[in-house]
Amino acid sequence: MVFGKWFWIRTVEVWLTARLLASPSFHRLVGRVHQKVQHFRHGIPPEEMGGTNIDNNGPGLKKFVDYFREEIKDQFKGKPPNKF
């Protein structure tokens, strides 16, 4: 026998390893494990906790623009600026 049993075991091992590394589900699993380790070591980053809402263009921006328009109109009319 030219090839021993170790040759065939090694061949099957290489084939199985290649299939595992080509599998998308294996890479997703490794990615999730990596993410959990990073969260454990460094904490959860703010962008994954919902962010800071800086980009929120809700009623706050509209109120500011309305107030700014009103102040500009008052200045053109000669009224003194409002004090808070």
PDB file of N, CA and C in Angstrom:
ATOM      1  N   MET A   1       0.843  -1.171   0.000  1.00  0.00           N
ATOM      2  CA  MET A   1       0.000   0.000   0.000  1.00  0.00           C
ATOM      3  C   MET A   1       0.893   1.240   0.000  1.00  0.00           C
ATOM      4  N   VAL A   2       0.715   2.052  -1.037  1.00  0.00           N
ATOM      5  CA  VAL A   2       1.563   3.227  -1.212  1.00  0.00           C
ATOM      6  C   VAL A   2       1.180   4.306  -0.201  1.00  0.00           C
ATOM      7  N   PHE A   3      -0.114   4.569  -0.063  1.00  0.00           N
ATOM      8  CA  PHE A   3      -0.591   5.585   0.865  1.00  0.00           C
ATOM      9  C   PHE A   3      -1.048   4.909   2.141  1.00  0.00           C
ATOM     10  N   GLY A   4      -0.623   5.454   3.260  1.00  0.00           N
ATOM     11  CA  GLY A   4      -1.069   4.918   4.539  1.00  0.00           C
ATOM     12  C   GLY A   4      -2.414   5.514   4.923  1.00  0.00           C
ATOM     13  N   LYS A   5      -2.933   5.029   6.039  1.00  0.00           N
ATOM     14  CA  LYS A   5      -4.239   5.543   6.478  1.00  0.00           C
ATOM     15  C   LYS A   5      -4.151   7.009   6.874  1.00  0.00           C
ATOM     16  N   TRP A   6      -2.964   7.483   7.289  1.00  0.00           N
ATOM     17  CA  TRP A   6      -2.829   8.889   7.683  1.00  0.00           C
ATOM     18  C   TRP A   6      -2.985   9.832   6.504  1.00  0.00           C
ATOM     19  N   PHE A   7      -2.574   9.378   5.339  1.00  0.00           N
ATOM     20  CA  PHE A   7      -2.735  10.181   4.130  1.00  0.00           C
ATOM     21  C   PHE A   7      -4.216  10.445   3.863  1.00  0.00           C
ATOM     22  N   TRP A   8      -5.039   9.415   3.961  1.00  0.00           N
ATOM     23  CA  TRP A   8      -6.468   9.571   3.692  1.00  0.00           C
ATOM     24  C   TRP A   8      -7.154  10.398   4.775  1.00  0.00           C
ATOM     25  N   ILE A   9      -6.722  10.224   6.010  1.00  0.00           N
ATOM     26  CA  ILE A   9      -7.306  11.039   7.093  1.00  0.00           C
ATOM     27  C   ILE A   9      -6.959  12.508   6.866  1.00  0.00           C
ATOM     28  N   ARG A  10      -5.713  12.771   6.493  1.00  0.00           N
ATOM     29  CA  ARG A  10      -5.287  14.150   6.231  1.00  0.00           C
ATOM     30  C   ARG A  10      -6.030  14.732   5.033  1.00  0.00           C
ATOM     31  N   THR A  11      -6.251  13.928   3.990  1.00  0.00           N
ATOM     32  CA  THR A  11      -6.979  14.378   2.805  1.00  0.00           C
ATOM     33  C   THR A  11      -8.410  14.767   3.165  1.00  0.00           C
ATOM     34  N   VAL A  12      -9.072  13.943   3.948  1.00  0.00           N
ATOM     35  CA  VAL A  12     -10.442  14.248   4.372  1.00  0.00           C
ATOM     36  C   VAL A  12     -10.452  15.496   5.256  1.00  0.00           C
ATOM     37  N   GLU A  13      -9.461  15.627   6.120  1.00  0.00           N
ATOM     38  CA  GLU A  13      -9.371  16.805   6.991  1.00  0.00           C
ATOM     39  C   GLU A  13      -9.216  18.089   6.169  1.00  0.00           C
ATOM     40  N   VAL A  14      -8.368  18.070   5.171  1.00  0.00           N
ATOM     41  CA  VAL A  14      -8.162  19.239   4.306  1.00  0.00           C
ATOM     42  C   VAL A  14      -9.437  19.568   3.552  1.00  0.00           C
ATOM     43  N   TRP A  15     -10.114  18.549   3.032  1.00  0.00           N
ATOM     44  CA  TRP A  15     -11.356  18.770   2.299  1.00  0.00           C
ATOM     45  C   TRP A  15     -12.435  19.378   3.197  1.00  0.00           C
ATOM     46  N   LEU A  16     -12.580  18.829   4.423  1.00  0.00           N
ATOM     47  CA  LEU A  16     -13.577  19.368   5.355  1.00  0.00           C
ATOM     48  C   LEU A  16     -13.239  20.796   5.770  1.00  0.00           C
ATOM     49  N   THR A  17     -11.974  21.080   5.986  1.00  0.00           N
ATOM     50  CA  THR A  17     -11.565  22.432   6.358  1.00  0.00           C
ATOM     51  C   THR A  17     -11.869  23.412   5.229  1.00  0.00           C
ATOM     52  N   ALA A  18     -11.593  23.024   4.003  1.00  0.00           N
ATOM     53  CA  ALA A  18     -11.880  23.886   2.857  1.00  0.00           C
ATOM     54  C   ALA A  18     -13.370  24.160   2.735  1.00  0.00           C
ATOM     55  N   ARG A  19     -14.187  23.144   2.940  1.00  0.00           N
ATOM     56  CA  ARG A  19     -15.645  23.340   2.880  1.00  0.00           C
ATOM     57  C   ARG A  19     -16.127  24.262   3.986  1.00  0.00           C
ATOM     58  N   LEU A  20     -15.570  24.096   5.193  1.00  0.00           N
ATOM     59  CA  LEU A  20     -15.962  24.935   6.316  1.00  0.00           C
ATOM     60  C   LEU A  20     -15.590  26.389   6.060  1.00  0.00           C
ATOM     61  N   LEU A  21     -14.380  26.639   5.574  1.00  0.00           N
ATOM     62  CA  LEU A  21     -13.940  28.010   5.328  1.00  0.00           C
ATOM     63  C   LEU A  21     -14.662  28.655   4.154  1.00  0.00           C
ATOM     64  N   ALA A  22     -15.240  27.868   3.267  1.00  0.00           N
ATOM     65  CA  ALA A  22     -15.999  28.408   2.139  1.00  0.00           C
ATOM     66  C   ALA A  22     -17.460  28.669   2.505  1.00  0.00           C
ATOM     67  N   SER A  23     -17.870  28.275   3.680  1.00  0.00           N
ATOM     68  CA  SER A  23     -19.271  28.375   4.077  1.00  0.00           C
ATOM     69  C   SER A  23     -19.608  29.781   4.600  1.00  0.00           C
ATOM     70  N   PRO A  24     -20.633  30.451   4.040  1.00  0.00           N
ATOM     71  CA  PRO A  24     -21.044  31.763   4.535  1.00  0.00           C
ATOM     72  C   PRO A  24     -21.574  31.710   5.975  1.00  0.00           C
ATOM     73  N   SER A  25     -22.230  30.622   6.324  1.00  0.00           N
ATOM     74  CA  SER A  25     -22.762  30.526   7.687  1.00  0.00           C
ATOM     75  C   SER A  25     -21.628  30.458   8.716  1.00  0.00           C
ATOM     76  N   PHE A  26     -20.523  29.818   8.368  1.00  0.00           N
ATOM     77  CA  PHE A  26     -19.367  29.774   9.269  1.00  0.00           C
ATOM     78  C   PHE A  26     -18.817  31.189   9.476  1.00  0.00           C
ATOM     79  N   HIS A  27     -18.743  31.975   8.406  1.00  0.00           N
ATOM     80  CA  HIS A  27     -18.223  33.344   8.519  1.00  0.00           C
ATOM     81  C   HIS A  27     -19.164  34.236   9.326  1.00  0.00           C
ATOM     82  N   ARG A  28     -20.482  34.029   9.182  1.00  0.00           N
ATOM     83  CA  ARG A  28     -21.438  34.782  10.008  1.00  0.00           C
ATOM     84  C   ARG A  28     -21.263  34.442  11.481  1.00  0.00           C
ATOM     85  N   LEU A  29     -21.083  33.147  11.776  1.00  0.00           N
ATOM     86  CA  LEU A  29     -20.877  32.706  13.155  1.00  0.00           C
ATOM     87  C   LEU A  29     -19.612  33.335  13.736  1.00  0.00           C
ATOM     88  N   VAL A  30     -18.523  33.303  12.972  1.00  0.00           N
ATOM     89  CA  VAL A  30     -17.271  33.891  13.441  1.00  0.00           C
ATOM     90  C   VAL A  30     -17.440  35.401  13.640  1.00  0.00           C
ATOM     91  N   GLY A  31     -18.174  36.061  12.757  1.00  0.00           N
ATOM     92  CA  GLY A  31     -18.426  37.496  12.887  1.00  0.00           C
ATOM     93  C   GLY A  31     -19.203  37.812  14.157  1.00  0.00           C
ATOM     94  N   ARG A  32     -20.219  37.002  14.471  1.00  0.00           N
ATOM     95  CA  ARG A  32     -20.998  37.227  15.696  1.00  0.00           C
ATOM     96  C   ARG A  32     -20.152  37.019  16.941  1.00  0.00           C
ATOM     97  N   VAL A  33     -19.326  35.975  16.930  1.00  0.00           N
ATOM     98  CA  VAL A  33     -18.444  35.730  18.076  1.00  0.00           C
ATOM     99  C   VAL A  33     -17.473  36.900  18.239  1.00  0.00           C
ATOM    100  N   HIS A  34     -16.910  37.377  17.152  1.00  0.00           N
ATOM    101  CA  HIS A  34     -15.991  38.510  17.202  1.00  0.00           C
ATOM    102  C   HIS A  34     -16.685  39.748  17.758  1.00  0.00           C
ATOM    103  N   GLN A  35     -17.910  40.002  17.307  1.00  0.00           N
ATOM    104  CA  GLN A  35     -18.662  41.153  17.790  1.00  0.00           C
ATOM    105  C   GLN A  35     -18.929  41.049  19.289  1.00  0.00           C
ATOM    106  N   LYS A  36     -19.306  39.871  19.766  1.00  0.00           N
ATOM    107  CA  LYS A  36     -19.560  39.691  21.198  1.00  0.00           C
ATOM    108  C   LYS A  36     -18.287  39.924  22.007  1.00  0.00           C
ATOM    109  N   VAL A  37     -17.159  39.422  21.522  1.00  0.00           N
ATOM    110  CA  VAL A  37     -15.892  39.620  22.230  1.00  0.00           C
ATOM    111  C   VAL A  37     -15.534  41.104  22.264  1.00  0.00           C
ATOM    112  N   GLN A  38     -15.705  41.800  21.136  1.00  0.00           N
ATOM    113  CA  GLN A  38     -15.397  43.232  21.102  1.00  0.00           C
ATOM    114  C   GLN A  38     -16.313  44.014  22.031  1.00  0.00           C
ATOM    115  N   HIS A  39     -17.598  43.666  22.084  1.00  0.00           N
ATOM    116  CA  HIS A  39     -18.532  44.347  22.991  1.00  0.00           C
ATOM    117  C   HIS A  39     -18.153  44.084  24.442  1.00  0.00           C
ATOM    118  N   PHE A  40     -17.710  42.874  24.734  1.00  0.00           N
ATOM    119  CA  PHE A  40     -17.311  42.546  26.098  1.00  0.00           C
ATOM    120  C   PHE A  40     -16.057  43.313  26.495  1.00  0.00           C
ATOM    121  N   ARG A  41     -15.096  43.407  25.584  1.00  0.00           N
ATOM    122  CA  ARG A  41     -13.824  44.068  25.893  1.00  0.00           C
ATOM    123  C   ARG A  41     -13.936  45.584  25.905  1.00  0.00           C
ATOM    124  N   HIS A  42     -14.696  46.167  24.951  1.00  0.00           N
ATOM    125  CA  HIS A  42     -14.688  47.618  24.774  1.00  0.00           C
ATOM    126  C   HIS A  42     -16.043  48.274  25.022  1.00  0.00           C
ATOM    127  N   GLY A  43     -17.062  47.504  25.286  1.00  0.00           N
ATOM    128  CA  GLY A  43     -18.401  48.062  25.456  1.00  0.00           C
ATOM    129  C   GLY A  43     -19.099  48.205  24.109  1.00  0.00           C
ATOM    130  N   ILE A  44     -20.386  48.452  24.164  1.00  0.00           N
ATOM    131  CA  ILE A  44     -21.173  48.597  22.945  1.00  0.00           C
ATOM    132  C   ILE A  44     -20.963  50.007  22.398  1.00  0.00           C
ATOM    133  N   PRO A  45     -20.608  50.149  21.108  1.00  0.00           N
ATOM    134  CA  PRO A  45     -20.399  51.483  20.546  1.00  0.00           C
ATOM    135  C   PRO A  45     -21.711  52.257  20.459  1.00  0.00           C
ATOM    136  N   PRO A  46     -21.650  53.592  20.569  1.00  0.00           N
ATOM    137  CA  PRO A  46     -22.871  54.406  20.561  1.00  0.00           C
ATOM    138  C   PRO A  46     -23.716  54.232  19.305  1.00  0.00           C
ATOM    139  N   GLU A  47     -23.084  54.014  18.146  1.00  0.00           N
ATOM    140  CA  GLU A  47     -23.875  53.880  16.922  1.00  0.00           C
ATOM    141  C   GLU A  47     -24.724  52.624  16.913  1.00  0.00           C
ATOM    142  N   GLU A  48     -24.373  51.621  17.718  1.00  0.00           N
ATOM    143  CA  GLU A  48     -25.198  50.422  17.808  1.00  0.00           C
ATOM    144  C   GLU A  48     -26.259  50.547  18.892  1.00  0.00           C
ATOM    145  N   MET A  49     -26.180  51.585  19.704  1.00  0.00           N
ATOM    146  CA  MET A  49     -27.180  51.794  20.751  1.00  0.00           C
ATOM    147  C   MET A  49     -28.208  52.840  20.335  1.00  0.00           C
ATOM    148  N   GLY A  50     -28.239  53.191  19.061  1.00  0.00           N
ATOM    149  CA  GLY A  50     -29.232  54.150  18.597  1.00  0.00           C
ATOM    150  C   GLY A  50     -28.624  55.490  18.258  1.00  0.00           C
ATOM    151  N   GLY A  51     -27.359  55.699  18.479  1.00  0.00           N
ATOM    152  CA  GLY A  51     -26.706  56.947  18.112  1.00  0.00           C
ATOM    153  C   GLY A  51     -27.023  58.073  19.070  1.00  0.00           C
ATOM    154  N   THR A  52     -26.731  59.273  18.614  1.00  0.00           N
ATOM    155  CA  THR A  52     -26.905  60.455  19.460  1.00  0.00           C
ATOM    156  C   THR A  52     -28.064  61.330  19.016  1.00  0.00           C
ATOM    157  N   ASN A  53     -28.755  60.933  17.957  1.00  0.00           N
ATOM    158  CA  ASN A  53     -29.896  61.675  17.423  1.00  0.00           C
ATOM    159  C   ASN A  53     -29.504  63.071  16.955  1.00  0.00           C
ATOM    160  N   ILE A  54     -28.259  63.278  16.556  1.00  0.00           N
ATOM    161  CA  ILE A  54     -27.840  64.574  16.027  1.00  0.00           C
ATOM    162  C   ILE A  54     -28.529  64.840  14.696  1.00  0.00           C
ATOM    163  N   ASP A  55     -28.763  63.802  13.923  1.00  0.00           N
ATOM    164  CA  ASP A  55     -29.370  63.967  12.608  1.00  0.00           C
ATOM    165  C   ASP A  55     -30.883  64.077  12.667  1.00  0.00           C
ATOM    166  N   ASN A  56     -31.452  64.114  13.845  1.00  0.00           N
ATOM    167  CA  ASN A  56     -32.902  64.201  13.992  1.00  0.00           C
ATOM    168  C   ASN A  56     -33.365  65.595  13.584  1.00  0.00           C
ATOM    169  N   ASN A  57     -34.088  65.684  12.486  1.00  0.00           N
ATOM    170  CA  ASN A  57     -34.613  66.964  12.012  1.00  0.00           C
ATOM    171  C   ASN A  57     -36.086  67.071  12.369  1.00  0.00           C
ATOM    172  N   GLY A  58     -36.401  66.823  13.596  1.00  0.00           N
ATOM    173  CA  GLY A  58     -37.784  66.848  14.052  1.00  0.00           C
ATOM    174  C   GLY A  58     -38.262  68.252  14.345  1.00  0.00           C
ATOM    175  N   PRO A  59     -39.177  68.405  15.289  1.00  0.00           N
ATOM    176  CA  PRO A  59     -39.779  69.702  15.567  1.00  0.00           C
ATOM    177  C   PRO A  59     -38.773  70.726  16.099  1.00  0.00           C
ATOM    178  N   GLY A  60     -37.662  70.298  16.662  1.00  0.00           N
ATOM    179  CA  GLY A  60     -36.681  71.239  17.192  1.00  0.00           C
ATOM    180  C   GLY A  60     -36.128  72.148  16.111  1.00  0.00           C
ATOM    181  N   LEU A  61     -35.795  71.583  14.946  1.00  0.00           N
ATOM    182  CA  LEU A  61     -35.258  72.379  13.852  1.00  0.00           C
ATOM    183  C   LEU A  61     -36.324  73.314  13.299  1.00  0.00           C
ATOM    184  N   LYS A  62     -37.540  72.842  13.178  1.00  0.00           N
ATOM    185  CA  LYS A  62     -38.622  73.693  12.668  1.00  0.00           C
ATOM    186  C   LYS A  62     -38.884  74.863  13.605  1.00  0.00           C
ATOM    187  N   LYS A  63     -38.881  74.607  14.913  1.00  0.00           N
ATOM    188  CA  LYS A  63     -39.090  75.690  15.875  1.00  0.00           C
ATOM    189  C   LYS A  63     -37.973  76.720  15.772  1.00  0.00           C
ATOM    190  N   PHE A  64     -36.723  76.239  15.605  1.00  0.00           N
ATOM    191  CA  PHE A  64     -35.597  77.156  15.493  1.00  0.00           C
ATOM    192  C   PHE A  64     -35.733  78.027  14.245  1.00  0.00           C
ATOM    193  N   VAL A  65     -36.079  77.417  13.102  1.00  0.00           N
ATOM    194  CA  VAL A  65     -36.204  78.179  11.857  1.00  0.00           C
ATOM    195  C   VAL A  65     -37.329  79.203  11.986  1.00  0.00           C
ATOM    196  N   ASP A  66     -38.462  78.828  12.576  1.00  0.00           N
ATOM    197  CA  ASP A  66     -39.562  79.780  12.768  1.00  0.00           C
ATOM    198  C   ASP A  66     -39.146  80.941  13.663  1.00  0.00           C
ATOM    199  N   TYR A  67     -38.461  80.628  14.758  1.00  0.00           N
ATOM    200  CA  TYR A  67     -37.999  81.675  15.670  1.00  0.00           C
ATOM    201  C   TYR A  67     -36.987  82.579  14.978  1.00  0.00           C
ATOM    202  N   PHE A  68     -36.075  82.010  14.201  1.00  0.00           N
ATOM    203  CA  PHE A  68     -35.063  82.788  13.490  1.00  0.00           C
ATOM    204  C   PHE A  68     -35.727  83.725  12.487  1.00  0.00           C
ATOM    205  N   ARG A  69     -36.722  83.230  11.732  1.00  0.00           N
ATOM    206  CA  ARG A  69     -37.456  84.061  10.766  1.00  0.00           C
ATOM    207  C   ARG A  69     -38.142  85.230  11.464  1.00  0.00           C
ATOM    208  N   GLU A  70     -38.774  84.918  12.596  1.00  0.00           N
ATOM    209  CA  GLU A  70     -39.479  85.958  13.350  1.00  0.00           C
ATOM    210  C   GLU A  70     -38.502  87.031  13.835  1.00  0.00           C
ATOM    211  N   GLU A  71     -37.335  86.624  14.312  1.00  0.00           N
ATOM    212  CA  GLU A  71     -36.338  87.586  14.781  1.00  0.00           C
ATOM    213  C   GLU A  71     -35.819  88.449  13.640  1.00  0.00           C
ATOM    214  N   ILE A  72     -35.599  87.877  12.463  1.00  0.00           N
ATOM    215  CA  ILE A  72     -35.134  88.658  11.317  1.00  0.00           C
ATOM    216  C   ILE A  72     -36.192  89.681  10.909  1.00  0.00           C
ATOM    217  N   LYS A  73     -37.462  89.255  10.896  1.00  0.00           N
ATOM    218  CA  LYS A  73     -38.542  90.193  10.562  1.00  0.00           C
ATOM    219  C   LYS A  73     -38.595  91.333  11.565  1.00  0.00           C
ATOM    220  N   ASP A  74     -38.459  91.004  12.859  1.00  0.00           N
ATOM    221  CA  ASP A  74     -38.491  92.045  13.897  1.00  0.00           C
ATOM    222  C   ASP A  74     -37.324  93.014  13.740  1.00  0.00           C
ATOM    223  N   GLN A  75     -36.172  92.534  13.373  1.00  0.00           N
ATOM    224  CA  GLN A  75     -35.020  93.418  13.195  1.00  0.00           C
ATOM    225  C   GLN A  75     -35.211  94.357  12.017  1.00  0.00           C
ATOM    226  N   PHE A  76     -35.833  93.867  10.941  1.00  0.00           N
ATOM    227  CA  PHE A  76     -36.109  94.744   9.803  1.00  0.00           C
ATOM    228  C   PHE A  76     -37.145  95.813  10.158  1.00  0.00           C
ATOM    229  N   LYS A  77     -38.068  95.477  11.059  1.00  0.00           N
ATOM    230  CA  LYS A  77     -39.087  96.442  11.490  1.00  0.00           C
ATOM    231  C   LYS A  77     -38.522  97.421  12.518  1.00  0.00           C
ATOM    232  N   GLY A  78     -37.351  97.157  13.046  1.00  0.00           N
ATOM    233  CA  GLY A  78     -36.741  98.058  14.000  1.00  0.00           C
ATOM    234  C   GLY A  78     -37.057  97.733  15.432  1.00  0.00           C
ATOM    235  N   LYS A  79     -37.649  96.583  15.722  1.00  0.00           N
ATOM    236  CA  LYS A  79     -37.955  96.197  17.090  1.00  0.00           C
ATOM    237  C   LYS A  79     -36.695  95.720  17.791  1.00  0.00           C
ATOM    238  N   PRO A  80     -36.579  95.949  19.097  1.00  0.00           N
ATOM    239  CA  PRO A  80     -35.411  95.425  19.822  1.00  0.00           C
ATOM    240  C   PRO A  80     -35.492  93.892  19.922  1.00  0.00           C
ATOM    241  N   PRO A  81     -34.327  93.240  20.003  1.00  0.00           N
ATOM    242  CA  PRO A  81     -34.351  91.774  20.091  1.00  0.00           C
ATOM    243  C   PRO A  81     -34.960  91.305  21.415  1.00  0.00           C
ATOM    244  N   ASN A  82     -35.620  90.154  21.368  1.00  0.00           N
ATOM    245  CA  ASN A  82     -36.216  89.567  22.574  1.00  0.00           C
ATOM    246  C   ASN A  82     -35.112  89.036  23.487  1.00  0.00           C
ATOM    247  N   LYS A  83     -35.261  89.271  24.753  1.00  0.00           N
ATOM    248  CA  LYS A  83     -34.331  88.704  25.747  1.00  0.00           C
ATOM    249  C   LYS A  83     -34.990  87.464  26.346  1.00  0.00           C
ATOM    250  N   PHE A  84     -34.223  86.482  26.629  1.00  0.00           N
ATOM    251  CA  PHE A  84     -34.773  85.249  27.201  1.00  0.00           C
ATOM    252  C   PHE A  84     -35.045  85.435  28.638  1.00  0.00           C
TER     253      PHE A  84
END
